[in-house]
Every structure is written in structure tokens, then in C-alpha cells.
PDB file of N, CA and C in Angstrom:
ATOM      1  N   MET A   1       0.833  -1.206   0.000  1.00  0.00           N
ATOM      2  CA  MET A   1       0.000   0.000   0.000  1.00  0.00           C
ATOM      3  C   MET A   1       0.865   1.254   0.000  1.00  0.00           C
ATOM      4  N   LYS A   2       2.045   1.165   0.570  1.00  0.00           N
ATOM      5  CA  LYS A   2       2.929   2.324   0.632  1.00  0.00           C
ATOM      6  C   LYS A   2       3.357   2.780  -0.760  1.00  0.00           C
ATOM      7  N   VAL A   3       3.600   1.821  -1.657  1.00  0.00           N
ATOM      8  CA  VAL A   3       3.995   2.172  -3.025  1.00  0.00           C
ATOM      9  C   VAL A   3       2.838   2.910  -3.710  1.00  0.00           C
ATOM     10  N   LEU A   4       1.619   2.415  -3.506  1.00  0.00           N
ATOM     11  CA  LEU A   4       0.437   3.039  -4.087  1.00  0.00           C
ATOM     12  C   LEU A   4       0.294   4.481  -3.601  1.00  0.00           C
ATOM     13  N   GLU A   5       0.423   4.677  -2.310  1.00  0.00           N
ATOM     14  CA  GLU A   5       0.316   6.021  -1.734  1.00  0.00           C
ATOM     15  C   GLU A   5       1.378   6.949  -2.311  1.00  0.00           C
ATOM     16  N   LYS A   6       2.599   6.448  -2.433  1.00  0.00           N
ATOM     17  CA  LYS A   6       3.695   7.253  -2.981  1.00  0.00           C
ATOM     18  C   LYS A   6       3.412   7.642  -4.436  1.00  0.00           C
ATOM     19  N   VAL A   7       2.963   6.692  -5.234  1.00  0.00           N
ATOM     20  CA  VAL A   7       2.686   6.957  -6.652  1.00  0.00           C
ATOM     21  C   VAL A   7       1.571   7.999  -6.784  1.00  0.00           C
ATOM     22  N   ILE A   8       0.515   7.849  -5.986  1.00  0.00           N
ATOM     23  CA  ILE A   8      -0.598   8.811  -6.049  1.00  0.00           C
ATOM     24  C   ILE A   8      -0.134  10.193  -5.630  1.00  0.00           C
ATOM     25  N   LYS A   9       0.569  10.288  -4.517  1.00  0.00           N
ATOM     26  CA  LYS A   9       1.022  11.600  -4.026  1.00  0.00           C
ATOM     27  C   LYS A   9       1.997  12.265  -5.005  1.00  0.00           C
ATOM     28  N   ASP A  10       2.911  11.472  -5.594  1.00  0.00           N
ATOM     29  CA  ASP A  10       3.844  12.016  -6.585  1.00  0.00           C
ATOM     30  C   ASP A  10       3.094  12.532  -7.819  1.00  0.00           C
ATOM     31  N   ALA A  11       2.088  11.786  -8.261  1.00  0.00           N
ATOM     32  CA  ALA A  11       1.309  12.185  -9.432  1.00  0.00           C
ATOM     33  C   ALA A  11       0.540  13.473  -9.156  1.00  0.00           C
ATOM     34  N   ILE A  12       0.004  13.611  -7.953  1.00  0.00           N
ATOM     35  CA  ILE A  12      -0.748  14.821  -7.601  1.00  0.00           C
ATOM     36  C   ILE A  12       0.176  16.026  -7.537  1.00  0.00           C
ATOM     37  N   VAL A  13       1.344  15.859  -6.928  1.00  0.00           N
ATOM     38  CA  VAL A  13       2.314  16.956  -6.840  1.00  0.00           C
ATOM     39  C   VAL A  13       2.751  17.397  -8.239  1.00  0.00           C
ATOM     40  N   ALA A  14       2.975  16.422  -9.130  1.00  0.00           N
ATOM     41  CA  ALA A  14       3.439  16.718 -10.492  1.00  0.00           C
ATOM     42  C   ALA A  14       2.279  17.049 -11.433  1.00  0.00           C
ATOM     43  N   ASP A  15       1.033  17.013 -10.931  1.00  0.00           N
ATOM     44  CA  ASP A  15      -0.167  17.254 -11.731  1.00  0.00           C
ATOM     45  C   ASP A  15      -0.241  16.297 -12.931  1.00  0.00           C
ATOM     46  N   LYS A  16       0.078  15.029 -12.667  1.00  0.00           N
ATOM     47  CA  LYS A  16       0.066  13.989 -13.702  1.00  0.00           C
ATOM     48  C   LYS A  16      -1.053  12.983 -13.412  1.00  0.00           C
ATOM     49  N   TYR A  17      -2.252  13.498 -13.155  1.00  0.00           N
ATOM     50  CA  TYR A  17      -3.374  12.612 -12.850  1.00  0.00           C
ATOM     51  C   TYR A  17      -4.680  13.240 -13.334  1.00  0.00           C
ATOM     52  N   ARG A  18      -5.707  12.414 -13.433  1.00  0.00           N
ATOM     53  CA  ARG A  18      -7.066  12.868 -13.703  1.00  0.00           C
ATOM     54  C   ARG A  18      -7.961  12.112 -12.743  1.00  0.00           C
ATOM     55  N   SER A  19      -8.927  12.794 -12.145  1.00  0.00           N
ATOM     56  CA  SER A  19      -9.826  12.119 -11.212  1.00  0.00           C
ATOM     57  C   SER A  19     -11.270  12.268 -11.664  1.00  0.00           C
ATOM     58  N   GLY A  20     -12.079  11.298 -11.311  1.00  0.00           N
ATOM     59  CA  GLY A  20     -13.476  11.280 -11.711  1.00  0.00           C
ATOM     60  C   GLY A  20     -13.681  10.391 -12.934  1.00  0.00           C
ATOM     61  N   ILE A  21     -14.832   9.763 -13.007  1.00  0.00           N
ATOM     62  CA  ILE A  21     -15.119   8.809 -14.078  1.00  0.00           C
ATOM     63  C   ILE A  21     -14.977   9.444 -15.451  1.00  0.00           C
ATOM     64  N   LYS A  22     -15.623  10.599 -15.673  1.00  0.00           N
ATOM     65  CA  LYS A  22     -15.594  11.243 -16.998  1.00  0.00           C
ATOM     66  C   LYS A  22     -14.175  11.615 -17.417  1.00  0.00           C
ATOM     67  N   GLU A  23     -13.444  12.220 -16.495  1.00  0.00           N
ATOM     68  CA  GLU A  23     -12.059  12.632 -16.781  1.00  0.00           C
ATOM     69  C   GLU A  23     -11.179  11.417 -17.093  1.00  0.00           C
ATOM     70  N   VAL A  24     -11.328  10.369 -16.300  1.00  0.00           N
ATOM     71  CA  VAL A  24     -10.514   9.170 -16.487  1.00  0.00           C
ATOM     72  C   VAL A  24     -10.840   8.518 -17.833  1.00  0.00           C
ATOM     73  N   LEU A  25     -12.133   8.418 -18.158  1.00  0.00           N
ATOM     74  CA  LEU A  25     -12.519   7.821 -19.439  1.00  0.00           C
ATOM     75  C   LEU A  25     -11.946   8.602 -20.624  1.00  0.00           C
ATOM     76  N   GLN A  26     -11.878   9.914 -20.502  1.00  0.00           N
ATOM     77  CA  GLN A  26     -11.349  10.747 -21.582  1.00  0.00           C
ATOM     78  C   GLN A  26      -9.830  10.670 -21.682  1.00  0.00           C
ATOM     79  N   SER A  27      -9.165  10.271 -20.610  1.00  0.00           N
ATOM     80  CA  SER A  27      -7.704  10.301 -20.610  1.00  0.00           C
ATOM     81  C   SER A  27      -7.071   8.922 -20.449  1.00  0.00           C
ATOM     82  N   VAL A  28      -7.777   7.872 -20.835  1.00  0.00           N
ATOM     83  CA  VAL A  28      -7.227   6.521 -20.698  1.00  0.00           C
ATOM     84  C   VAL A  28      -5.948   6.379 -21.521  1.00  0.00           C
ATOM     85  N   LYS A  29      -5.968   6.923 -22.728  1.00  0.00           N
ATOM     86  CA  LYS A  29      -4.769   6.862 -23.569  1.00  0.00           C
ATOM     87  C   LYS A  29      -3.678   7.721 -22.918  1.00  0.00           C
ATOM     88  N   GLY A  30      -2.502   7.164 -22.741  1.00  0.00           N
ATOM     89  CA  GLY A  30      -1.410   7.893 -22.102  1.00  0.00           C
ATOM     90  C   GLY A  30      -1.365   7.715 -20.597  1.00  0.00           C
ATOM     91  N   THR A  31      -2.272   6.890 -20.071  1.00  0.00           N
ATOM     92  CA  THR A  31      -2.320   6.633 -18.644  1.00  0.00           C
ATOM     93  C   THR A  31      -1.502   5.393 -18.313  1.00  0.00           C
ATOM     94  N   GLU A  32      -0.818   5.418 -17.182  1.00  0.00           N
ATOM     95  CA  GLU A  32      -0.019   4.277 -16.736  1.00  0.00           C
ATOM     96  C   GLU A  32      -0.845   3.304 -15.885  1.00  0.00           C
ATOM     97  N   LEU A  33      -1.733   3.852 -15.049  1.00  0.00           N
ATOM     98  CA  LEU A  33      -2.492   3.038 -14.104  1.00  0.00           C
ATOM     99  C   LEU A  33      -3.815   3.725 -13.793  1.00  0.00           C
ATOM    100  N   ILE A  34      -4.884   2.934 -13.701  1.00  0.00           N
ATOM    101  CA  ILE A  34      -6.185   3.454 -13.278  1.00  0.00           C
ATOM    102  C   ILE A  34      -6.504   2.817 -11.939  1.00  0.00           C
ATOM    103  N   ILE A  35      -6.868   3.652 -10.978  1.00  0.00           N
ATOM    104  CA  ILE A  35      -7.214   3.177  -9.642  1.00  0.00           C
ATOM    105  C   ILE A  35      -8.691   3.481  -9.421  1.00  0.00           C
ATOM    106  N   VAL A  36      -9.458   2.468  -9.031  1.00  0.00           N
ATOM    107  CA  VAL A  36     -10.884   2.649  -8.751  1.00  0.00           C
ATOM    108  C   VAL A  36     -11.156   2.256  -7.307  1.00  0.00           C
ATOM    109  N   SER A  37     -12.103   2.940  -6.682  1.00  0.00           N
ATOM    110  CA  SER A  37     -12.472   2.585  -5.312  1.00  0.00           C
ATOM    111  C   SER A  37     -13.425   1.402  -5.353  1.00  0.00           C
ATOM    112  N   LYS A  38     -13.581   0.739  -4.226  1.00  0.00           N
ATOM    113  CA  LYS A  38     -14.472  -0.421  -4.202  1.00  0.00           C
ATOM    114  C   LYS A  38     -15.939   0.001  -4.264  1.00  0.00           C
ATOM    115  N   SER A  39     -16.228   1.278  -4.069  1.00  0.00           N
ATOM    116  CA  SER A  39     -17.605   1.756  -4.097  1.00  0.00           C
ATOM    117  C   SER A  39     -18.026   2.302  -5.473  1.00  0.00           C
ATOM    118  N   ILE A  40     -17.252   2.010  -6.519  1.00  0.00           N
ATOM    119  CA  ILE A  40     -17.583   2.484  -7.861  1.00  0.00           C
ATOM    120  C   ILE A  40     -18.815   1.740  -8.391  1.00  0.00           C
ATOM    121  N   ASP A  41     -19.636   2.443  -9.153  1.00  0.00           N
ATOM    122  CA  ASP A  41     -20.814   1.851  -9.777  1.00  0.00           C
ATOM    123  C   ASP A  41     -20.384   0.774 -10.772  1.00  0.00           C
ATOM    124  N   SER A  42     -21.085  -0.337 -10.812  1.00  0.00           N
ATOM    125  CA  SER A  42     -20.674  -1.461 -11.669  1.00  0.00           C
ATOM    126  C   SER A  42     -20.697  -1.094 -13.159  1.00  0.00           C
ATOM    127  N   GLY A  43     -21.629  -0.258 -13.583  1.00  0.00           N
ATOM    128  CA  GLY A  43     -21.674   0.177 -14.980  1.00  0.00           C
ATOM    129  C   GLY A  43     -20.461   1.019 -15.350  1.00  0.00           C
ATOM    130  N   ASP A  44     -20.110   1.948 -14.466  1.00  0.00           N
ATOM    131  CA  ASP A  44     -18.931   2.792 -14.696  1.00  0.00           C
ATOM    132  C   ASP A  44     -17.658   1.951 -14.683  1.00  0.00           C
ATOM    133  N   ARG A  45     -17.616   0.990 -13.780  1.00  0.00           N
ATOM    134  CA  ARG A  45     -16.440   0.122 -13.697  1.00  0.00           C
ATOM    135  C   ARG A  45     -16.267  -0.676 -14.992  1.00  0.00           C
ATOM    136  N   ALA A  46     -17.373  -1.179 -15.518  1.00  0.00           N
ATOM    137  CA  ALA A  46     -17.318  -1.957 -16.761  1.00  0.00           C
ATOM    138  C   ALA A  46     -16.801  -1.090 -17.914  1.00  0.00           C
ATOM    139  N   LYS A  47     -17.279   0.156 -17.992  1.00  0.00           N
ATOM    140  CA  LYS A  47     -16.810   1.082 -19.041  1.00  0.00           C
ATOM    141  C   LYS A  47     -15.310   1.326 -18.906  1.00  0.00           C
ATOM    142  N   LEU A  48     -14.888   1.597 -17.681  1.00  0.00           N
ATOM    143  CA  LEU A  48     -13.466   1.865 -17.432  1.00  0.00           C
ATOM    144  C   LEU A  48     -12.594   0.660 -17.781  1.00  0.00           C
ATOM    145  N   GLU A  49     -13.022  -0.516 -17.349  1.00  0.00           N
ATOM    146  CA  GLU A  49     -12.228  -1.714 -17.614  1.00  0.00           C
ATOM    147  C   GLU A  49     -12.150  -2.012 -19.111  1.00  0.00           C
ATOM    148  N   GLU A  50     -13.252  -1.757 -19.822  1.00  0.00           N
ATOM    149  CA  GLU A  50     -13.260  -1.973 -21.275  1.00  0.00           C
ATOM    150  C   GLU A  50     -12.270  -1.030 -21.964  1.00  0.00           C
ATOM    151  N   GLN A  51     -12.324   0.253 -21.597  1.00  0.00           N
ATOM    152  CA  GLN A  51     -11.405   1.237 -22.181  1.00  0.00           C
ATOM    153  C   GLN A  51      -9.955   0.923 -21.806  1.00  0.00           C
ATOM    154  N   ALA A  52      -9.745   0.509 -20.569  1.00  0.00           N
ATOM    155  CA  ALA A  52      -8.393   0.187 -20.105  1.00  0.00           C
ATOM    156  C   ALA A  52      -7.839  -1.022 -20.859  1.00  0.00           C
ATOM    157  N   LYS A  53      -8.685  -2.003 -21.107  1.00  0.00           N
ATOM    158  CA  LYS A  53      -8.251  -3.204 -21.828  1.00  0.00           C
ATOM    159  C   LYS A  53      -7.826  -2.836 -23.248  1.00  0.00           C
ATOM    160  N   ILE A  54      -8.602  -1.971 -23.900  1.00  0.00           N
ATOM    161  CA  ILE A  54      -8.284  -1.523 -25.259  1.00  0.00           C
ATOM    162  C   ILE A  54      -6.944  -0.790 -25.281  1.00  0.00           C
ATOM    163  N   ALA A  55      -6.725   0.061 -24.277  1.00  0.00           N
ATOM    164  CA  ALA A  55      -5.498   0.862 -24.210  1.00  0.00           C
ATOM    165  C   ALA A  55      -4.346   0.136 -23.512  1.00  0.00           C
ATOM    166  N   ASN A  56      -4.587  -1.090 -23.050  1.00  0.00           N
ATOM    167  CA  ASN A  56      -3.573  -1.884 -22.360  1.00  0.00           C
ATOM    168  C   ASN A  56      -3.059  -1.172 -21.097  1.00  0.00           C
ATOM    169  N   VAL A  57      -4.007  -0.728 -20.268  1.00  0.00           N
ATOM    170  CA  VAL A  57      -3.694  -0.021 -19.022  1.00  0.00           C
ATOM    171  C   VAL A  57      -4.171  -0.882 -17.851  1.00  0.00           C
ATOM    172  N   ALA A  58      -3.350  -0.998 -16.817  1.00  0.00           N
ATOM    173  CA  ALA A  58      -3.707  -1.789 -15.637  1.00  0.00           C
ATOM    174  C   ALA A  58      -4.761  -1.053 -14.809  1.00  0.00           C
ATOM    175  N   VAL A  59      -5.688  -1.822 -14.232  1.00  0.00           N
ATOM    176  CA  VAL A  59      -6.713  -1.277 -13.344  1.00  0.00           C
ATOM    177  C   VAL A  59      -6.514  -1.894 -11.967  1.00  0.00           C
ATOM    178  N   TYR A  60      -6.412  -1.038 -10.958  1.00  0.00           N
ATOM    179  CA  TYR A  60      -6.205  -1.483  -9.578  1.00  0.00           C
ATOM    180  C   TYR A  60      -7.429  -1.102  -8.764  1.00  0.00           C
ATOM    181  N   GLU A  61      -7.980  -2.054  -8.024  1.00  0.00           N
ATOM    182  CA  GLU A  61      -9.106  -1.734  -7.153  1.00  0.00           C
ATOM    183  C   GLU A  61      -8.586  -1.359  -5.781  1.00  0.00           C
ATOM    184  N   TYR A  62      -8.777  -0.086  -5.432  1.00  0.00           N
ATOM    185  CA  TYR A  62      -8.380   0.405  -4.113  1.00  0.00           C
ATOM    186  C   TYR A  62      -9.304  -0.239  -3.078  1.00  0.00           C
ATOM    187  N   PRO A  63      -8.755  -0.805  -2.007  1.00  0.00           N
ATOM    188  CA  PRO A  63      -9.584  -1.547  -1.053  1.00  0.00           C
ATOM    189  C   PRO A  63     -10.508  -0.669  -0.202  1.00  0.00           C
ATOM    190  N   GLY A  64     -10.363   0.633  -0.290  1.00  0.00           N
ATOM    191  CA  GLY A  64     -11.201   1.522   0.505  1.00  0.00           C
ATOM    192  C   GLY A  64     -12.332   2.133  -0.311  1.00  0.00           C
ATOM    193  N   THR A  65     -13.099   2.980   0.341  1.00  0.00           N
ATOM    194  CA  THR A  65     -14.221   3.651  -0.311  1.00  0.00           C
ATOM    195  C   THR A  65     -13.736   4.876  -1.088  1.00  0.00           C
ATOM    196  N   SER A  66     -14.669   5.497  -1.799  1.00  0.00           N
ATOM    197  CA  SER A  66     -14.324   6.695  -2.562  1.00  0.00           C
ATOM    198  C   SER A  66     -13.947   7.852  -1.632  1.00  0.00           C
ATOM    199  N   VAL A  67     -14.509   7.878  -0.437  1.00  0.00           N
ATOM    200  CA  VAL A  67     -14.152   8.911   0.547  1.00  0.00           C
ATOM    201  C   VAL A  67     -12.692   8.735   0.957  1.00  0.00           C
ATOM    202  N   GLN A  68     -12.284   7.494   1.227  1.00  0.00           N
ATOM    203  CA  GLN A  68     -10.902   7.215   1.622  1.00  0.00           C
ATOM    204  C   GLN A  68      -9.930   7.511   0.481  1.00  0.00           C
ATOM    205  N   LEU A  69     -10.332   7.194  -0.750  1.00  0.00           N
ATOM    206  CA  LEU A  69      -9.474   7.491  -1.904  1.00  0.00           C
ATOM    207  C   LEU A  69      -9.330   9.000  -2.071  1.00  0.00           C
ATOM    208  N   GLY A  70     -10.406   9.741  -1.837  1.00  0.00           N
ATOM    209  CA  GLY A  70     -10.344  11.201  -1.880  1.00  0.00           C
ATOM    210  C   GLY A  70      -9.378  11.756  -0.843  1.00  0.00           C
ATOM    211  N   LYS A  71      -9.421  11.208   0.366  1.00  0.00           N
ATOM    212  CA  LYS A  71      -8.507  11.648   1.430  1.00  0.00           C
ATOM    213  C   LYS A  71      -7.063  11.328   1.067  1.00  0.00           C
ATOM    214  N   LEU A  72      -6.832  10.140   0.478  1.00  0.00           N
ATOM    215  CA  LEU A  72      -5.485   9.756   0.067  1.00  0.00           C
ATOM    216  C   LEU A  72      -4.950  10.731  -0.981  1.00  0.00           C
ATOM    217  N   CYS A  73      -5.853  11.251  -1.813  1.00  0.00           N
ATOM    218  CA  CYS A  73      -5.476  12.216  -2.853  1.00  0.00           C
ATOM    219  C   CYS A  73      -5.459  13.651  -2.333  1.00  0.00           C
ATOM    220  N   SER A  74      -5.643  13.820  -1.028  1.00  0.00           N
ATOM    221  CA  SER A  74      -5.670  15.143  -0.375  1.00  0.00           C
ATOM    222  C   SER A  74      -6.781  16.031  -0.921  1.00  0.00           C
ATOM    223  N   LYS A  75      -7.926  15.430  -1.195  1.00  0.00           N
ATOM    224  CA  LYS A  75      -9.083  16.174  -1.705  1.00  0.00           C
ATOM    225  C   LYS A  75     -10.214  16.092  -0.678  1.00  0.00           C
ATOM    226  N   PRO A  76     -11.003  17.155  -0.549  1.00  0.00           N
ATOM    227  CA  PRO A  76     -12.091  17.141   0.431  1.00  0.00           C
ATOM    228  C   PRO A  76     -13.379  16.523  -0.107  1.00  0.00           C
ATOM    229  N   PHE A  77     -13.277  15.732  -1.168  1.00  0.00           N
ATOM    230  CA  PHE A  77     -14.459  15.120  -1.759  1.00  0.00           C
ATOM    231  C   PHE A  77     -14.151  13.684  -2.174  1.00  0.00           C
ATOM    232  N   ARG A  78     -15.203  12.943  -2.525  1.00  0.00           N
ATOM    233  CA  ARG A  78     -15.039  11.542  -2.921  1.00  0.00           C
ATOM    234  C   ARG A  78     -14.419  11.432  -4.307  1.00  0.00           C
ATOM    235  N   ILE A  79     -13.575  10.427  -4.482  1.00  0.00           N
ATOM    236  CA  ILE A  79     -12.997  10.132  -5.793  1.00  0.00           C
ATOM    237  C   ILE A  79     -13.215   8.644  -6.042  1.00  0.00           C
ATOM    238  N   THR A  80     -13.976   8.324  -7.094  1.00  0.00           N
ATOM    239  CA  THR A  80     -14.236   6.920  -7.394  1.00  0.00           C
ATOM    240  C   THR A  80     -13.203   6.344  -8.341  1.00  0.00           C
ATOM    241  N   ALA A  81     -12.561   7.216  -9.132  1.00  0.00           N
ATOM    242  CA  ALA A  81     -11.542   6.731 -10.066  1.00  0.00           C
ATOM    243  C   ALA A  81     -10.478   7.800 -10.265  1.00  0.00           C
ATOM    244  N   ILE A  82      -9.250   7.347 -10.432  1.00  0.00           N
ATOM    245  CA  ILE A  82      -8.144   8.258 -10.696  1.00  0.00           C
ATOM    246  C   ILE A  82      -7.216   7.604 -11.720  1.00  0.00           C
ATOM    247  N   ALA A  83      -6.811   8.389 -12.712  1.00  0.00           N
ATOM    248  CA  ALA A  83      -5.876   7.912 -13.731  1.00  0.00           C
ATOM    249  C   ALA A  83      -4.513   8.520 -13.429  1.00  0.00           C
ATOM    250  N   ILE A  84      -3.525   7.669 -13.269  1.00  0.00           N
ATOM    251  CA  ILE A  84      -2.158   8.105 -12.983  1.00  0.00           C
ATOM    252  C   ILE A  84      -1.376   8.132 -14.289  1.00  0.00           C
ATOM    253  N   LYS A  85      -0.845   9.307 -14.635  1.00  0.00           N
ATOM    254  CA  LYS A  85      -0.097   9.453 -15.887  1.00  0.00           C
ATOM    255  C   LYS A  85       1.412   9.387 -15.674  1.00  0.00           C
ATOM    256  N   SER A  86       1.823   9.314 -14.415  1.00  0.00           N
ATOM    257  CA  SER A  86       3.245   9.182 -14.109  1.00  0.00           C
ATOM    258  C   SER A  86       3.443   7.866 -13.375  1.00  0.00           C
ATOM    259  N   GLY A  87       4.652   7.589 -13.011  1.00  0.00           N
ATOM    260  CA  GLY A  87       4.938   6.338 -12.309  1.00  0.00           C
ATOM    261  C   GLY A  87       5.735   5.416 -13.207  1.00  0.00           C
ATOM    262  N   THR A  88       6.722   4.780 -12.631  1.00  0.00           N
ATOM    263  CA  THR A  88       7.577   3.895 -13.418  1.00  0.00           C
ATOM    264  C   THR A  88       6.917   2.526 -13.557  1.00  0.00           C
ATOM    265  N   ALA A  89       7.402   1.759 -14.500  1.00  0.00           N
ATOM    266  CA  ALA A  89       6.899   0.402 -14.705  1.00  0.00           C
ATOM    267  C   ALA A  89       7.122  -0.435 -13.449  1.00  0.00           C
ATOM    268  N   ALA A  90       8.247  -0.222 -12.771  1.00  0.00           N
ATOM    269  CA  ALA A  90       8.555  -0.975 -11.552  1.00  0.00           C
ATOM    270  C   ALA A  90       7.540  -0.660 -10.446  1.00  0.00           C
ATOM    271  N   GLU A  91       7.174   0.613 -10.298  1.00  0.00           N
ATOM    272  CA  GLU A  91       6.194   0.998  -9.279  1.00  0.00           C
ATOM    273  C   GLU A  91       4.833   0.370  -9.570  1.00  0.00           C
ATOM    274  N   ILE A  92       4.432   0.416 -10.828  1.00  0.00           N
ATOM    275  CA  ILE A  92       3.131  -0.141 -11.204  1.00  0.00           C
ATOM    276  C   ILE A  92       3.134  -1.652 -11.014  1.00  0.00           C
ATOM    277  N   GLU A  93       4.239  -2.284 -11.362  1.00  0.00           N
ATOM    278  CA  GLU A  93       4.384  -3.731 -11.149  1.00  0.00           C
ATOM    279  C   GLU A  93       4.273  -4.055  -9.664  1.00  0.00           C
ATOM    280  N   ALA A  94       4.899  -3.252  -8.811  1.00  0.00           N
ATOM    281  CA  ALA A  94       4.847  -3.459  -7.365  1.00  0.00           C
ATOM    282  C   ALA A  94       3.418  -3.310  -6.840  1.00  0.00           C
ATOM    283  N   ILE A  95       2.689  -2.326  -7.345  1.00  0.00           N
ATOM    284  CA  ILE A  95       1.301  -2.111  -6.926  1.00  0.00           C
ATOM    285  C   ILE A  95       0.437  -3.300  -7.328  1.00  0.00           C
ATOM    286  N   MET A  96       0.593  -3.760  -8.564  1.00  0.00           N
ATOM    287  CA  MET A  96      -0.225  -4.866  -9.045  1.00  0.00           C
ATOM    288  C   MET A  96       0.138  -6.172  -8.335  1.00  0.00           C
ATOM    289  N   SER A  97       1.411  -6.382  -8.012  1.00  0.00           N
ATOM    290  CA  SER A  97       1.797  -7.601  -7.294  1.00  0.00           C
ATOM    291  C   SER A  97       1.324  -7.527  -5.846  1.00  0.00           C
ATOM    292  N   GLU A  98       1.284  -6.318  -5.287  1.00  0.00           N
ATOM    293  CA  GLU A  98       0.756  -6.103  -3.940  1.00  0.00           C
ATOM    294  C   GLU A  98      -0.720  -6.499  -3.912  1.00  0.00           C
ATOM    295  N   LYS A  99      -1.432  -6.156  -4.969  1.00  0.00           N
ATOM    296  CA  LYS A  99      -2.841  -6.501  -5.112  1.00  0.00           C
ATOM    297  C   LYS A  99      -3.015  -8.021  -5.118  1.00  0.00           C
ATOM    298  N   GLY A 100      -2.149  -8.710  -5.872  1.00  0.00           N
ATOM    299  CA  GLY A 100      -2.200 -10.169  -5.926  1.00  0.00           C
ATOM    300  C   GLY A 100      -1.905 -10.805  -4.584  1.00  0.00           C
ATOM    301  N   ALA A 101      -0.945 -10.270  -3.867  1.00  0.00           N
ATOM    302  CA  ALA A 101      -0.590 -10.793  -2.544  1.00  0.00           C
ATOM    303  C   ALA A 101      -1.738 -10.585  -1.564  1.00  0.00           C
ATOM    304  N   ALA A 102      -2.394  -9.443  -1.642  1.00  0.00           N
ATOM    305  CA  ALA A 102      -3.525  -9.164  -0.762  1.00  0.00           C
ATOM    306  C   ALA A 102      -4.679 -10.126  -1.060  1.00  0.00           C
ATOM    307  N   ALA A 103      -4.897 -10.412  -2.326  1.00  0.00           N
ATOM    308  CA  ALA A 103      -5.976 -11.344  -2.700  1.00  0.00           C
ATOM    309  C   ALA A 103      -5.669 -12.743  -2.174  1.00  0.00           C
ATOM    310  N   LYS A 104      -4.407 -13.158  -2.240  1.00  0.00           N
ATOM    311  CA  LYS A 104      -4.016 -14.485  -1.753  1.00  0.00           C
ATOM    312  C   LYS A 104      -4.181 -14.559  -0.234  1.00  0.00           C
ATOM    313  N   GLN A 105      -3.838 -13.473   0.473  1.00  0.00           N
ATOM    314  CA  GLN A 105      -3.985 -13.450   1.920  1.00  0.00           C
ATOM    315  C   GLN A 105      -5.462 -13.546   2.298  1.00  0.00           C
ATOM    316  N   GLY A 106      -6.314 -12.901   1.493  1.00  0.00           N
ATOM    317  CA  GLY A 106      -7.757 -12.929   1.755  1.00  0.00           C
ATOM    318  C   GLY A 106      -8.331 -14.321   1.627  1.00  0.00           C
ATOM    319  N   THR A 107      -7.799 -15.155   0.744  1.00  0.00           N
ATOM    320  CA  THR A 107      -8.327 -16.501   0.562  1.00  0.00           C
ATOM    321  C   THR A 107      -7.812 -17.473   1.628  1.00  0.00           C
ATOM    322  N   LYS A 108      -6.693 -17.163   2.257  1.00  0.00           N
ATOM    323  CA  LYS A 108      -6.130 -18.044   3.281  1.00  0.00           C
ATOM    324  C   LYS A 108      -6.928 -18.017   4.579  1.00  0.00           C
ATOM    325  N   THR A 109      -7.513 -16.863   4.894  1.00  0.00           N
ATOM    326  CA  THR A 109      -8.210 -16.735   6.185  1.00  0.00           C
ATOM    327  C   THR A 109      -9.663 -17.082   6.090  1.00  0.00           C
TER     328      THR A 109
END
């Protein structure tokens, strides 16, 4: 989770992100990673995943709500989706492998 937080904060400082479903859908091309909260609407999620698949962009489901994702992004409002335009391949790989490890831990208990 620390890598995810670092990537998000770095992207916000460098202004290399887009937040919100409409903004993210418009900027899928050129995006390194799309992060969605677990409280995203299933229709919006399907649209995002379809666009991400076409553009070959990884989608990460943030384990918290849109309120928590907004706080992580230092915003006083909910964020259901954020497109990260910065971040190295190694960082994104670490985030996605972290996701896999968390899923495996969830099945063990």
C-alpha cells in the first residue's frame, strides 16, 4: 500500500493525474495506471475496464471507499476513479503484485 500512496502523491504533486469517471474515461490513452475505489458503480467500472483493456492499461481496485481514496489524494471530496499518468513500470508492477498478494492473503483466512 505504501507504493500506491507514494505513486498517487507524486502524481498529484506533479499534476500527472485525472480524477473522476468522466475525466478518467477521456484520458485513458497515455495513462499508466487506473485506480478505482471499491464503491464504484458497476456500470462505470465496466466502461473503465473496457477502455483500459483496449489501451492496455492496468486497473487497480483500491480496497477503501471513494471517501478514503479522496482523502489519500488530499481532496475534500469523494474520488471513485483516478488515472495516474506518471509512475515507473517498476512501481506499477509493485502495486499490481501487492494486489495479488492481498488477494491471496484474503483466501487463506
